N, C-alpha and C. Protein backbone atom coordinates (compact mmCIF):
# COMPACT_ATOMS: atom_id res chain seq x y z
N MET A 1 54.65 127.63 9.79
CA MET A 1 53.20 127.56 9.72
C MET A 1 52.78 126.15 10.14
N PRO A 2 51.89 126.04 11.11
CA PRO A 2 51.52 124.71 11.61
C PRO A 2 50.62 123.90 10.67
N VAL A 3 49.98 124.54 9.69
CA VAL A 3 49.19 123.80 8.71
C VAL A 3 49.98 123.76 7.41
N ARG A 4 50.18 122.56 6.90
CA ARG A 4 50.98 122.43 5.67
C ARG A 4 50.34 121.41 4.73
N TYR A 5 50.84 121.41 3.52
CA TYR A 5 50.33 120.49 2.51
C TYR A 5 50.90 119.09 2.75
N LYS A 6 50.05 118.10 2.74
CA LYS A 6 50.46 116.70 2.88
C LYS A 6 50.95 116.14 1.55
N ILE A 7 50.49 116.76 0.46
CA ILE A 7 50.81 116.25 -0.87
C ILE A 7 51.42 117.36 -1.70
N ASP A 8 52.07 116.99 -2.77
CA ASP A 8 52.52 117.95 -3.78
C ASP A 8 51.29 118.23 -4.65
N VAL A 9 50.66 119.37 -4.41
CA VAL A 9 49.38 119.67 -5.05
C VAL A 9 49.49 119.69 -6.57
N LEU A 10 50.50 120.36 -7.09
CA LEU A 10 50.64 120.45 -8.55
C LEU A 10 50.91 119.08 -9.17
N LYS A 11 51.65 118.24 -8.48
CA LYS A 11 51.90 116.88 -8.98
C LYS A 11 50.60 116.08 -8.99
N ALA A 12 49.81 116.21 -7.93
CA ALA A 12 48.53 115.50 -7.86
C ALA A 12 47.59 115.97 -8.96
N LEU A 13 47.57 117.28 -9.21
CA LEU A 13 46.73 117.80 -10.29
C LEU A 13 47.19 117.28 -11.64
N LYS A 14 48.51 117.23 -11.84
CA LYS A 14 49.05 116.72 -13.10
C LYS A 14 48.65 115.26 -13.31
N GLU A 15 48.74 114.46 -12.25
CA GLU A 15 48.35 113.05 -12.33
C GLU A 15 46.86 112.90 -12.63
N ALA A 16 46.07 113.92 -12.25
CA ALA A 16 44.63 113.90 -12.52
C ALA A 16 44.29 114.51 -13.89
N GLY A 17 45.33 114.88 -14.64
CA GLY A 17 45.12 115.41 -15.99
C GLY A 17 45.12 116.92 -16.10
N TYR A 18 45.52 117.61 -15.03
CA TYR A 18 45.54 119.07 -15.03
C TYR A 18 46.98 119.58 -14.94
N ASN A 19 47.67 119.67 -16.08
CA ASN A 19 49.02 120.23 -16.04
C ASN A 19 48.93 121.74 -15.89
N THR A 20 50.05 122.39 -15.58
CA THR A 20 50.03 123.83 -15.31
C THR A 20 49.56 124.64 -16.51
N ASN A 21 49.87 124.19 -17.71
CA ASN A 21 49.42 124.90 -18.90
C ASN A 21 47.89 124.86 -18.99
N ARG A 22 47.31 123.71 -18.76
CA ARG A 22 45.85 123.58 -18.80
C ARG A 22 45.20 124.40 -17.69
N LEU A 23 45.80 124.38 -16.49
CA LEU A 23 45.25 125.14 -15.38
C LEU A 23 45.19 126.63 -15.71
N ARG A 24 46.23 127.13 -16.38
CA ARG A 24 46.27 128.54 -16.77
C ARG A 24 45.31 128.83 -17.92
N GLN A 25 45.39 128.04 -18.98
CA GLN A 25 44.59 128.29 -20.17
C GLN A 25 43.09 128.23 -19.90
N GLU A 26 42.68 127.27 -19.09
CA GLU A 26 41.26 127.12 -18.78
C GLU A 26 40.84 127.95 -17.57
N LYS A 27 41.79 128.73 -17.06
CA LYS A 27 41.54 129.62 -15.91
C LYS A 27 40.97 128.86 -14.71
N ILE A 28 41.52 127.68 -14.49
CA ILE A 28 41.12 126.87 -13.34
C ILE A 28 41.79 127.41 -12.08
N LEU A 29 43.10 127.70 -12.19
CA LEU A 29 43.87 128.30 -11.10
C LEU A 29 44.74 129.41 -11.67
N SER A 30 44.96 130.44 -10.88
CA SER A 30 45.82 131.53 -11.32
C SER A 30 47.29 131.16 -11.14
N GLU A 31 48.14 131.88 -11.82
CA GLU A 31 49.59 131.66 -11.68
C GLU A 31 50.01 131.93 -10.24
N ARG A 32 49.43 132.94 -9.60
CA ARG A 32 49.76 133.25 -8.20
C ARG A 32 49.39 132.08 -7.29
N THR A 33 48.24 131.48 -7.52
CA THR A 33 47.82 130.33 -6.72
C THR A 33 48.79 129.18 -6.90
N MET A 34 49.18 128.92 -8.14
CA MET A 34 50.13 127.83 -8.39
C MET A 34 51.47 128.12 -7.72
N GLN A 35 51.88 129.39 -7.72
CA GLN A 35 53.13 129.76 -7.06
C GLN A 35 52.99 129.57 -5.54
N ASN A 36 51.84 129.88 -4.99
CA ASN A 36 51.62 129.64 -3.56
C ASN A 36 51.78 128.16 -3.23
N PHE A 37 51.30 127.27 -4.08
CA PHE A 37 51.49 125.83 -3.86
C PHE A 37 52.96 125.48 -3.90
N ARG A 38 53.69 126.02 -4.86
CA ARG A 38 55.13 125.73 -4.97
C ARG A 38 55.88 126.18 -3.72
N GLU A 39 55.46 127.30 -3.14
CA GLU A 39 56.13 127.87 -1.97
C GLU A 39 55.55 127.39 -0.64
N GLY A 40 54.54 126.53 -0.70
CA GLY A 40 53.93 126.02 0.53
C GLY A 40 53.09 127.05 1.26
N LYS A 41 52.66 128.09 0.57
CA LYS A 41 51.85 129.14 1.19
C LYS A 41 50.37 128.75 1.16
N SER A 42 49.62 129.42 2.00
CA SER A 42 48.19 129.10 2.10
C SER A 42 47.42 129.65 0.90
N VAL A 43 46.25 129.07 0.70
CA VAL A 43 45.32 129.51 -0.35
C VAL A 43 43.96 129.70 0.30
N SER A 44 43.05 130.32 -0.42
CA SER A 44 41.71 130.58 0.12
C SER A 44 40.90 129.30 0.25
N HIS A 45 39.83 129.39 1.02
CA HIS A 45 38.91 128.26 1.13
C HIS A 45 38.28 127.94 -0.21
N GLU A 46 38.05 128.97 -1.00
CA GLU A 46 37.48 128.77 -2.34
C GLU A 46 38.41 127.90 -3.19
N VAL A 47 39.70 128.21 -3.17
CA VAL A 47 40.68 127.43 -3.94
C VAL A 47 40.77 126.01 -3.38
N LEU A 48 40.76 125.90 -2.07
CA LEU A 48 40.81 124.57 -1.45
C LEU A 48 39.61 123.73 -1.86
N GLY A 49 38.44 124.36 -1.91
CA GLY A 49 37.24 123.67 -2.37
C GLY A 49 37.35 123.22 -3.82
N ARG A 50 37.92 124.08 -4.66
CA ARG A 50 38.12 123.75 -6.07
C ARG A 50 39.07 122.56 -6.19
N LEU A 51 40.14 122.55 -5.39
CA LEU A 51 41.08 121.43 -5.40
C LEU A 51 40.38 120.13 -5.04
N CYS A 52 39.55 120.18 -4.00
CA CYS A 52 38.84 118.98 -3.57
C CYS A 52 37.94 118.46 -4.68
N GLU A 53 37.33 119.37 -5.42
CA GLU A 53 36.49 118.96 -6.53
C GLU A 53 37.32 118.33 -7.65
N LEU A 54 38.43 118.97 -7.99
CA LEU A 54 39.28 118.46 -9.08
C LEU A 54 39.92 117.12 -8.74
N LEU A 55 40.33 116.97 -7.48
CA LEU A 55 41.04 115.76 -7.06
C LEU A 55 40.12 114.72 -6.42
N ASN A 56 38.82 115.07 -6.31
CA ASN A 56 37.85 114.17 -5.70
C ASN A 56 38.32 113.70 -4.32
N CYS A 57 38.57 114.69 -3.45
CA CYS A 57 39.09 114.36 -2.12
C CYS A 57 38.51 115.32 -1.09
N GLN A 58 38.94 115.18 0.14
CA GLN A 58 38.54 116.04 1.24
C GLN A 58 39.72 116.94 1.63
N PRO A 59 39.47 118.10 2.28
CA PRO A 59 40.57 118.98 2.68
C PRO A 59 41.64 118.27 3.51
N GLY A 60 41.22 117.32 4.34
CA GLY A 60 42.18 116.57 5.16
C GLY A 60 43.11 115.69 4.35
N ASP A 61 42.77 115.43 3.10
CA ASP A 61 43.65 114.67 2.22
C ASP A 61 44.77 115.56 1.67
N ILE A 62 44.57 116.87 1.76
CA ILE A 62 45.51 117.84 1.19
C ILE A 62 46.34 118.52 2.27
N LEU A 63 45.70 118.84 3.40
CA LEU A 63 46.34 119.60 4.47
C LEU A 63 46.49 118.77 5.73
N GLU A 64 47.50 119.16 6.53
CA GLU A 64 47.68 118.54 7.84
C GLU A 64 48.17 119.58 8.83
N TYR A 65 47.84 119.38 10.08
CA TYR A 65 48.31 120.24 11.16
C TYR A 65 49.54 119.58 11.77
N VAL A 66 50.59 120.36 11.93
CA VAL A 66 51.82 119.88 12.55
C VAL A 66 52.14 120.82 13.71
N LYS A 67 52.12 120.27 14.90
CA LYS A 67 52.38 121.09 16.08
C LYS A 67 53.81 121.62 16.02
N GLU A 68 53.92 122.94 16.25
CA GLU A 68 55.24 123.56 16.24
C GLU A 68 55.89 123.38 17.60
N ASP A 69 57.19 123.14 17.58
CA ASP A 69 57.96 123.02 18.82
C ASP A 69 58.52 124.39 19.14
N ASN A 70 57.93 125.05 20.13
CA ASN A 70 58.35 126.41 20.48
C ASN A 70 59.48 126.45 21.50
N ASN A 71 60.01 125.28 21.84
CA ASN A 71 61.09 125.21 22.84
C ASN A 71 62.47 125.39 22.23
N GLN A 72 62.54 125.60 20.96
CA GLN A 72 63.87 125.72 20.32
C GLN A 72 64.32 127.14 20.30
């Protein structure tokens, strides 16, 4: 996938005071969403917007485009 996470999202959330238990209990993020972060899978724009709000950042601080080398 040419778009990937630049940061460890769950680690950044934890540093901001949102551990996985709190994220689940307060229904901030679903377990499936957290698993998608662990596996490097994509999330919805809604979730990305929520992350930006929680981490006080822009989408470009979380995601990056990496050109794939199709010559291999």
